[in-house]
Each structure stands twice: as C-alpha cells, then as structure tokens.
Amino acid sequence: MIKRTLCFSNPAYLSLRNGQLVVKLEAHDNEPERQTSIPIEDIGIIVLDNRQITLTHGLMSALLDNNASVVTCNASHMPVGLMLPLEGHTVQQERFQDQLSASVPLRKQLWQQTIQQKILNQASLLFKLHGIEVGNMRKWASEVHSGDSTNLEGRAAAFYWSHIFPKSNDFTREREGDYPNNLLNYGYAILRAIIARALVSSGLLPTMGIHHHNRYNAYCLADDVMEPYRPFVDRLVIQTMAECEDTELTTNIKRRLLTVPTLEVRIGGQRSPLMVAASQTTASLARCYAGECRRMTYPEL
C-alpha cells in the first residue's frame, strides 16, 4: 500500500486523537482557522517546513510506531533532519547481525550492481529525454568492476551532468550550487527519507553502508541504495523546470517534488510506485545479507 506524503508549510498545531493526525491551521491571509484529520496508518512521510509548527509527543510516538518518517526543514526550506523508528521488523536483531557480518567481497559486489544500474538509468534518461547517444555509458556500465575500483561512476556522472540540462550552460552539480541544484537537493532529500524508511522496515541499519562510510553520516546505507533511484528524481525535476518558470522553491514546485513516492517505476518486470519499489529493493538487500540471494532488485528507467 502506498503511503501519503504530507508537507506543512504554514503555522500549524499537530496532535493525535483516536488514531488520527489532527491538523489545526491558524488563521492567516483573511482565511479562518481550519481543522482536519488524517489516519496515522495512511501516512508514510511528513515534511515540517515552518518554524511555527507545534506537534505533540503523542503524535510523534504514533507516527514512529507506524513506521512513518518525519523530515524537518531549515530557514531556507531545505530538509535538514530525519527521524525514523528504532524498530521496524520482527527479526531486526537477526538482520542486524547479517548486515554487520557481511563480507567485504559481498559488499563490493552489491556496490558493483548498484553503480551498474545507476549508470544504466542515467543513460536511459539521457536517451529518452534528449535522444543523446549513450553507447559509451552502457559500455561503462558493463565494465564496472567489483567495488567500482576504476570509478566508472565518476566518469559516467561527468558525461551525464554535462548533457542532462542542455538549456543550462555550464551546469555543475553542487550541493550549494545554483538553480536547478536546489530542486535536485529537495527531491533527493525526499528520496532519501523514502529509502531510509524502507531500510528500517526491512530490519536494516541505515547507518551501515555498502560503500559510503562517513563517520558523520547517519544514513550511509540510504545514500548507497538511493543511487539508482536518483534519475527518477532528475526526470521529475526536468519536467518541473519545463512547466514552472520560478527558480526558487515555491509552494507549487515543492508540491510537485513531493510526488516522488508516487512516481511510477519498473521493477522486476512490473510497474510500481517508487515507495513500494524501494521496499522491494531493501528486502532484496536483506536477503543478500542473509545469503539467500546474490543480486539486489533495482528499478529500471
């Protein structure tokens, strides 16, 4: 079942009553105070994008009990925090042990599969959107070694980012860079929350990465697993740029980017919402750690 993604950008009081998220919106711009409710079990992600939002501890507990992710934003309206439940699976301890004892060769093979699919999805997007010849990228994908020891991910990224925005001269992908980096960052933050939530649901530690091992990053595994999903966000950003002239993160643009969980992807030969596909990917990773299979299930663009 696809869960709802909610974003609160205005002052609000959020509380819990009878298993429902109760939203009380303050009066503003000549609009009267409003109140509505949403079943907790229907919620997958909540984005808090206003400093005048108040929520009760009872609500936070209920959200986490139902495996919802809570994302907080800073004064620039960019996601900066993510809260996840401590327990997300009945045999979590067993899966933690499988994950922690995974061999180096296995992790390198999983990273190889991840980068191969990322490059293939990037190549598909370039070809489908712009008709660009991508034989070189497909060749690089086929040549990715265990652990991507020759860094073909970097070579493919250089080609990809130099062609994906043909109307943006000299575009450079940077976290603090100019438009449309802000749209990409927002979309990736939502994607990261989706993947982290799916990892916890599969009984895995989002901190212990396959490849990323930043001591200051609490979501290394989420950053690993989301790599092949990034081109789906890129496509959404390009579509948003074509339909919206604004270069800032307006309410309309954020509303469009918050549809990331419902994007249609193809995985395992079937079409599925991205949020559901993420759970299939993380479940396959858990099976790999347990020695039940050798390949992760990733979406194809």
Protein backbone atom coordinates (compact mmCIF):
# COMPACT_ATOMS: atom_id res chain seq x y z
CA MET A 1 0.00 0.00 0.00
CA ILE A 2 1.32 3.43 -0.99
CA LYS A 3 1.56 5.78 1.97
CA ARG A 4 0.80 9.51 1.89
CA THR A 5 3.44 12.24 1.95
CA LEU A 6 2.35 15.36 3.82
CA CYS A 7 4.06 18.76 3.82
CA PHE A 8 3.21 21.53 6.26
CA SER A 9 4.47 24.96 5.16
CA ASN A 10 2.24 27.19 7.31
CA PRO A 11 1.94 27.58 11.09
CA ALA A 12 0.02 24.60 12.45
CA TYR A 13 -0.73 22.62 15.58
CA LEU A 14 -0.44 18.86 15.01
CA SER A 15 -1.82 16.41 17.55
CA LEU A 16 -3.18 12.88 17.94
CA ARG A 17 -6.78 11.87 18.56
CA ASN A 18 -8.35 8.43 18.10
CA GLY A 19 -5.58 7.20 15.82
CA GLN A 20 -5.83 10.31 13.64
CA LEU A 21 -3.39 13.11 12.93
CA VAL A 22 -5.36 16.24 13.80
CA VAL A 23 -4.21 19.32 11.89
CA LYS A 24 -5.21 22.73 13.20
CA LEU A 25 -4.17 25.54 10.86
CA GLU A 26 -4.04 29.04 12.24
CA ALA A 27 -5.96 31.86 10.62
CA HIS A 28 -3.89 33.79 8.04
CA ASP A 29 -4.37 35.95 4.93
CA ASN A 30 -8.04 36.53 5.78
CA GLU A 31 -8.65 32.78 5.99
CA PRO A 32 -10.33 31.43 9.15
CA GLU A 33 -8.82 28.77 11.39
CA ARG A 34 -9.22 25.30 9.89
CA GLN A 35 -9.04 21.78 11.25
CA THR A 36 -8.82 18.41 9.55
CA SER A 37 -7.70 14.87 10.37
CA ILE A 38 -5.83 12.06 8.60
CA PRO A 39 -5.48 8.39 9.69
CA ILE A 40 -2.00 7.77 11.08
CA GLU A 41 -1.80 4.42 9.29
CA ASP A 42 -2.09 6.20 5.91
CA ILE A 43 1.00 8.38 6.45
CA GLY A 44 4.46 7.48 5.15
CA ILE A 45 6.37 10.77 5.30
CA ILE A 46 5.73 14.12 6.98
CA VAL A 47 7.71 17.22 6.00
CA LEU A 48 7.77 20.06 8.55
CA ASP A 49 8.63 23.27 6.67
CA ASN A 50 7.70 26.07 9.06
CA ARG A 51 9.25 27.11 12.36
CA GLN A 52 5.84 27.82 13.84
CA ILE A 53 4.68 24.21 13.73
CA THR A 54 3.90 22.55 17.06
CA LEU A 55 3.36 18.81 17.41
CA THR A 56 2.65 16.68 20.44
CA HIS A 57 4.77 13.86 21.78
CA GLY A 58 1.80 11.51 21.46
CA LEU A 59 1.65 12.24 17.73
CA MET A 60 5.40 11.70 17.27
CA SER A 61 5.17 8.36 19.06
CA ALA A 62 2.21 7.24 16.94
CA LEU A 63 3.92 8.24 13.69
CA LEU A 64 7.07 6.30 14.57
CA ASP A 65 5.04 3.30 15.78
CA ASN A 66 3.51 3.22 12.29
CA ASN A 67 6.93 3.46 10.59
CA ALA A 68 6.45 7.00 9.29
CA SER A 69 9.42 9.27 8.56
CA VAL A 70 9.47 12.83 9.90
CA VAL A 71 11.54 15.34 7.90
CA THR A 72 12.39 18.79 9.27
CA CYS A 73 13.46 21.78 7.17
CA ASN A 74 15.67 24.78 7.92
CA ALA A 75 15.03 28.50 7.38
CA SER A 76 15.91 28.05 3.69
CA HIS A 77 13.15 25.41 3.38
CA MET A 78 15.66 22.64 2.70
CA PRO A 79 15.33 19.29 4.57
CA VAL A 80 17.99 19.03 7.27
CA GLY A 81 16.70 16.37 9.69
CA LEU A 82 15.13 12.92 9.53
CA MET A 83 13.52 10.92 12.33
CA LEU A 84 12.89 7.18 11.94
CA PRO A 85 11.58 4.44 14.26
CA LEU A 86 14.09 2.38 16.25
CA GLU A 87 12.35 -0.89 15.41
CA GLY A 88 10.92 -1.74 12.03
CA HIS A 89 10.99 -5.53 11.69
CA THR A 90 10.11 -8.56 13.82
CA VAL A 91 13.52 -10.22 13.35
CA GLN A 92 15.51 -6.99 13.40
CA GLN A 93 18.34 -8.29 15.59
CA GLU A 94 18.92 -11.22 13.25
CA ARG A 95 19.03 -8.93 10.23
CA PHE A 96 21.35 -6.51 12.01
CA GLN A 97 23.74 -9.41 12.60
CA ASP A 98 23.59 -10.49 8.94
CA GLN A 99 24.29 -6.93 7.85
CA LEU A 100 27.17 -6.36 10.26
CA SER A 101 28.84 -9.66 9.35
CA ALA A 102 28.58 -9.17 5.57
CA SER A 103 31.91 -9.91 3.91
CA VAL A 104 33.91 -7.31 2.01
CA PRO A 105 33.58 -9.22 -1.31
CA LEU A 106 29.79 -9.28 -0.90
CA ARG A 107 29.62 -5.54 -0.21
CA LYS A 108 31.83 -4.83 -3.23
CA GLN A 109 29.58 -6.97 -5.44
CA LEU A 110 26.48 -5.18 -4.16
CA TRP A 111 28.10 -1.81 -4.89
CA GLN A 112 29.02 -3.01 -8.38
CA GLN A 113 25.35 -3.88 -9.03
CA THR A 114 24.24 -0.54 -7.61
CA ILE A 115 26.55 1.52 -9.82
CA GLN A 116 25.77 -0.54 -12.91
CA GLN A 117 22.04 0.14 -12.53
CA LYS A 118 22.62 3.81 -11.72
CA ILE A 119 24.62 4.33 -14.92
CA LEU A 120 22.05 2.40 -16.99
CA ASN A 121 19.22 4.53 -15.59
CA GLN A 122 21.17 7.72 -16.26
CA ALA A 123 21.81 6.55 -19.83
CA SER A 124 18.13 5.73 -20.37
CA LEU A 125 17.08 9.18 -19.16
CA LEU A 126 19.54 10.96 -21.47
CA PHE A 127 18.32 8.95 -24.46
CA LYS A 128 14.60 9.20 -23.71
CA LEU A 129 14.60 12.92 -22.92
CA HIS A 130 17.16 14.29 -25.35
CA GLY A 131 17.89 11.47 -27.83
CA ILE A 132 21.56 11.55 -26.86
CA GLU A 133 23.71 8.63 -27.99
CA VAL A 134 24.60 6.74 -24.82
CA GLY A 135 26.54 3.74 -26.10
CA ASN A 136 29.53 4.93 -24.09
CA MET A 137 27.53 4.91 -20.83
CA ARG A 138 26.12 1.46 -21.48
CA LYS A 139 29.64 0.24 -22.15
CA TRP A 140 30.85 1.80 -18.89
CA ALA A 141 28.02 0.09 -17.04
CA SER A 142 29.08 -3.30 -18.42
CA GLU A 143 32.68 -2.65 -17.37
CA VAL A 144 32.04 -1.74 -13.72
CA HIS A 145 34.26 -3.97 -11.59
CA SER A 146 33.61 -5.25 -8.09
CA GLY A 147 33.52 -2.23 -5.79
CA ASP A 148 33.74 0.05 -8.87
CA SER A 149 37.50 0.07 -8.40
CA THR A 150 38.06 2.13 -11.58
CA ASN A 151 35.46 4.76 -10.59
CA LEU A 152 33.31 4.47 -13.68
CA GLU A 153 30.55 6.07 -11.62
CA GLY A 154 32.54 9.31 -11.70
CA ARG A 155 33.20 9.11 -15.44
CA ALA A 156 29.54 8.45 -16.17
CA ALA A 157 28.49 11.29 -13.85
CA ALA A 158 30.70 13.80 -15.68
CA PHE A 159 29.10 12.88 -19.01
CA TYR A 160 25.60 12.76 -17.56
CA TRP A 161 25.63 16.15 -15.82
CA SER A 162 27.17 17.86 -18.84
CA HIS A 163 24.22 16.74 -21.01
CA ILE A 164 21.15 16.39 -18.79
CA PHE A 165 20.29 20.14 -18.79
CA PRO A 166 21.01 21.22 -22.37
CA LYS A 167 19.45 24.68 -21.82
CA SER A 168 21.59 25.37 -18.74
CA ASN A 169 25.03 26.45 -19.87
CA ASP A 170 27.94 25.09 -17.86
CA PHE A 171 25.74 23.37 -15.28
CA THR A 172 27.68 21.97 -12.33
CA ARG A 173 26.11 19.57 -9.90
CA GLU A 174 26.84 21.02 -6.45
CA ARG A 175 25.02 20.73 -3.17
CA GLU A 176 25.15 24.51 -2.68
CA GLY A 177 25.13 25.34 -6.38
CA ASP A 178 22.83 27.48 -8.48
CA TYR A 179 19.41 26.50 -9.86
CA PRO A 180 18.37 23.76 -10.53
CA ASN A 181 20.59 22.33 -7.78
CA ASN A 182 18.05 23.49 -5.20
CA LEU A 183 15.31 21.44 -6.88
CA LEU A 184 17.56 18.40 -7.10
CA ASN A 185 18.55 18.72 -3.44
CA TYR A 186 14.93 18.90 -2.31
CA GLY A 187 13.90 15.92 -4.42
CA TYR A 188 16.87 13.86 -3.26
CA ALA A 189 16.06 14.66 0.38
CA ILE A 190 12.55 13.24 -0.09
CA LEU A 191 14.02 10.21 -1.87
CA ARG A 192 16.50 9.69 0.97
CA ALA A 193 13.66 9.67 3.50
CA ILE A 194 11.79 7.08 1.42
CA ILE A 195 14.82 4.78 1.19
CA ALA A 196 15.72 5.17 4.87
CA ARG A 197 12.14 4.31 5.84
CA ALA A 198 12.22 1.22 3.60
CA LEU A 199 15.54 0.09 5.11
CA VAL A 200 14.15 0.29 8.64
CA SER A 201 11.03 -1.59 7.50
CA SER A 202 13.30 -4.36 6.20
CA GLY A 203 15.10 -4.59 9.54
CA LEU A 204 18.35 -2.99 8.36
CA LEU A 205 20.61 -0.34 9.86
CA PRO A 206 20.55 2.72 7.57
CA THR A 207 23.86 3.86 9.10
CA MET A 208 25.98 0.87 7.96
CA GLY A 209 26.64 1.45 4.26
CA ILE A 210 27.65 -0.84 1.43
CA HIS A 211 30.13 1.72 0.14
CA HIS A 212 29.68 5.03 1.97
CA HIS A 213 31.41 5.10 5.37
CA ASN A 214 31.30 8.72 6.51
CA ARG A 215 31.61 8.77 10.29
CA TYR A 216 29.35 11.84 10.43
CA ASN A 217 26.61 10.40 8.19
CA ALA A 218 23.81 8.53 9.96
CA TYR A 219 22.31 7.31 6.67
CA CYS A 220 25.20 5.85 4.68
CA LEU A 221 23.21 2.82 3.54
CA ALA A 222 20.31 5.00 2.42
CA ASP A 223 22.75 7.08 0.37
CA ASP A 224 24.07 3.88 -1.23
CA VAL A 225 20.72 2.32 -2.07
CA MET A 226 19.17 5.52 -3.45
CA GLU A 227 21.80 5.89 -6.22
CA PRO A 228 19.88 4.04 -9.00
CA TYR A 229 16.72 5.93 -7.97
CA ARG A 230 18.23 9.38 -8.46
CA PRO A 231 17.48 9.56 -12.23
CA PHE A 232 13.77 9.26 -11.45
CA VAL A 233 14.06 12.43 -9.36
CA ASP A 234 16.12 14.07 -12.11
CA ARG A 235 13.35 13.38 -14.61
CA LEU A 236 10.76 14.90 -12.27
CA VAL A 237 12.96 17.99 -11.81
CA ILE A 238 13.33 18.42 -15.58
CA GLN A 239 9.56 18.12 -16.04
CA THR A 240 9.03 20.66 -13.25
CA MET A 241 11.52 23.09 -14.83
CA ALA A 242 9.66 22.86 -18.15
CA GLU A 243 6.33 23.70 -16.51
CA CYS A 244 7.43 26.26 -13.89
CA GLU A 245 9.41 29.42 -14.53
CA ASP A 246 10.35 30.01 -10.89
CA THR A 247 13.93 29.29 -9.88
CA GLU A 248 13.16 29.29 -6.16
CA LEU A 249 11.49 26.53 -4.16
CA THR A 250 7.94 27.84 -4.35
CA THR A 251 4.99 26.03 -2.82
CA ASN A 252 3.94 24.83 -6.27
CA ILE A 253 7.39 23.40 -7.05
CA LYS A 254 7.63 21.69 -3.67
CA ARG A 255 4.20 20.20 -4.21
CA ARG A 256 5.44 18.68 -7.46
CA LEU A 257 8.63 17.34 -5.89
CA LEU A 258 6.66 15.76 -3.06
CA THR A 259 5.18 13.35 -5.61
CA VAL A 260 8.47 11.39 -5.62
CA PRO A 261 6.94 8.50 -3.59
CA THR A 262 4.22 8.01 -6.20
CA LEU A 263 6.44 8.12 -9.30
CA GLU A 264 5.89 5.06 -11.45
CA VAL A 265 8.95 2.83 -11.88
CA ARG A 266 9.54 -0.55 -13.48
CA ILE A 267 10.98 -3.16 -11.16
CA GLY A 268 11.07 -6.93 -11.51
CA GLY A 269 9.24 -6.67 -14.85
CA GLN A 270 6.28 -4.85 -13.29
CA ARG A 271 5.26 -1.23 -12.79
CA SER A 272 5.10 0.03 -9.24
CA PRO A 273 5.04 3.29 -7.24
CA LEU A 274 8.56 4.29 -6.21
CA MET A 275 7.81 3.94 -2.49
CA VAL A 276 6.70 0.32 -2.99
CA ALA A 277 9.70 -0.39 -5.23
CA ALA A 278 12.02 0.94 -2.52
CA SER A 279 10.70 -1.70 -0.13
CA GLN A 280 11.35 -4.40 -2.73
CA THR A 281 14.92 -3.16 -3.12
CA THR A 282 15.64 -3.11 0.61
CA ALA A 283 14.01 -6.51 1.10
CA SER A 284 16.29 -7.93 -1.60
CA LEU A 285 19.29 -6.38 0.16
CA ALA A 286 18.28 -8.09 3.41
CA ARG A 287 18.14 -11.41 1.53
CA CYS A 288 21.61 -10.78 0.11
CA TYR A 289 22.99 -10.14 3.58
CA ALA A 290 21.34 -13.36 4.78
CA GLY A 291 22.94 -15.35 1.94
CA GLU A 292 19.59 -16.16 0.35
CA CYS A 293 20.39 -14.44 -2.97
CA ARG A 294 23.27 -12.62 -4.68
CA ARG A 295 21.55 -9.78 -6.54
CA MET A 296 19.65 -6.73 -5.41
CA THR A 297 16.40 -5.76 -7.11
CA TYR A 298 16.61 -2.25 -8.56
CA PRO A 299 14.20 -0.30 -10.79
CA GLU A 300 14.85 0.28 -14.46
CA LEU A 301 14.13 3.61 -16.10
